[in-house]
C-alpha cells in the first residue's frame, strides 16, 4: 500500500489521489475523442491500402485492355534443320507448307591458275584488275597475298579476297561476294601485267570472267521456295514477307520435302497477364472481406462500412460479370475466367486454352473492344484511384475529421489543465486551513490540560 501523498505533509488526506480520480473522470470525454481520432487514423491507413490494391488491379486491367496482349504468336517448324521461323507484328494463325527450292548463295570466283606459294612469288607488277566495275590498280610487284590485300583495301569494293591452298605447291586467289543473291553477282576483267600472271576462267572467251555459271566456283543465286504452292524469292535465306507477321529462314535445299510451319496464338503470354489480374482481384477481394468482417465485429478502425468501399466492390463485380462481345465469347466465364463459390476469381485452364485456340479474335474483342471488359473496368477504377477520385476525396474528408478532432482535443486539454490547477489550488487551501485548525486544536488542548492541573 502506497504512502498517502499530501500537499502540506501534515495531514493524512491524500489530496493528490483525489485530484487524480477527479481528473480521470473529467478526462473521459477527452479519451473518447482521442480514441475516435485513433480509429479514423487507422481508417486512413486502411484507405491507403485499399488505394494500393485498386491501383494494382487497374494496372493488371490495363495490360489486358492492350491489344498488344493478343499480338504474340508461336511458330513451330516441322523440321528445324530445314526451316526455322519466328513471329512478329501482324502474325495470323494458320498452317503453311514450305518447299525449299534453292538457297541464297554468294558468288565465289577463283583463279584457274596457281602460284607455288602465297607470299614469295610475284604474280603481277602493274596494271589493273576490275572487279564488279571497281578498279584495283597495282603500283608495284605483288604476291597472291599482296594482291588479296590490295583488293580488300579498295574502298567500296563488293568482294572479299583470300588466298587458299588447293594442293601441294598450289595456291589460288579466291573472290567472294559480300552479299548473297543474284544482286551480289560480279564480273572480273584482268588487265594486270608483269610477274607470273594469274588467270580466271572465261568460258565464253569474251574477256570477262564470272559472267557464265561455269566461270564460278559458286554461282550467285537467290533463295526460292514455295509457300502453300506460291513461289517466293529472297536475296538472302531469310524471308520476311512471305507469311504475314512471320520471318522464316531456309537452311537446306530439298524441293521434294514439304516442311509444315504452324502459327498459333501464344496463350502463354496472355495467360500470364490473366493470372496477374486474377491475383490482383483476389487480393482486393480478400481485403474487402477482412474489412467487412472486422466492421461486423464492431471494429471501428475498419472501413468495412464505408460507402465508397461498398460502391467500389459493386462497380468491379458488375463490370466483370457484364455480357459483351461476339456471341461465341460474351462473358469472361466463356474465356475460362470464373468466379468460385467463395467469390474469388479462378482460371479454368482447359476452357481458356480452347478459347484462345478457337476464338482468339473473339477473346480480343471481349477483352479490348470498344465495349470490352477491361477498358471499361480500367475507366471505372480510374475514377477511384486518380487524384481527386473517390478514394482520395474520402481520405481528404477523414483527414478533415482528424484535424477537427485535433482542435477539440487541444481545447479540452486546455480546459482540463485549468480545472486541474483550480482543484490543486482549492485542495491546497483546504490543506492549509486544516493545518491551521489542527494547530489551534493542539493549542486549545494544551490550555485545557493546564487548567485541569490547577
Foldseek 3Di string as FASTA:
>chain_A
DDQADAPVPPDRDNLVVVLVVVLVVLCPVLVVLVVLLVLLVLALVLLVVLLVLLVLLLVLLVVLQDLVLFQDKDKDKQDVLFKDKDFAGFADFDKKKKAWADAWFWFKFKFPAWALDAFDFFAFAFDWKAKQNRTQTHNGTGGNVRVQVSQVPRPPGQWHWDWDAPDNSTIMIMITGPFTAPVRFMKIADTTDDTNHIHFDDPVPPRIARPDPVRTPDHGHWTWMQMNHRIDTGRHQWDDPPGTRMIMGGNDHDRVDIMMMGMATDLVSSVVSVVSSLVSVQVSVVSLVVLLVCVVVVSSSGCNVPPVSVVLVVVLVCLQQAFDFDPCCGHVVQLQFDADPVRGTDGDVVSNVVCRGPPVVRVSCCSHNPSHSSVVSSVVSCQQNPVVHPSNVVSVVSVVSSVVSVVVSVVSVVVSVVVSVVSVVVSSVVVVVVVVVVVVVVVVVVVVVVVVVD
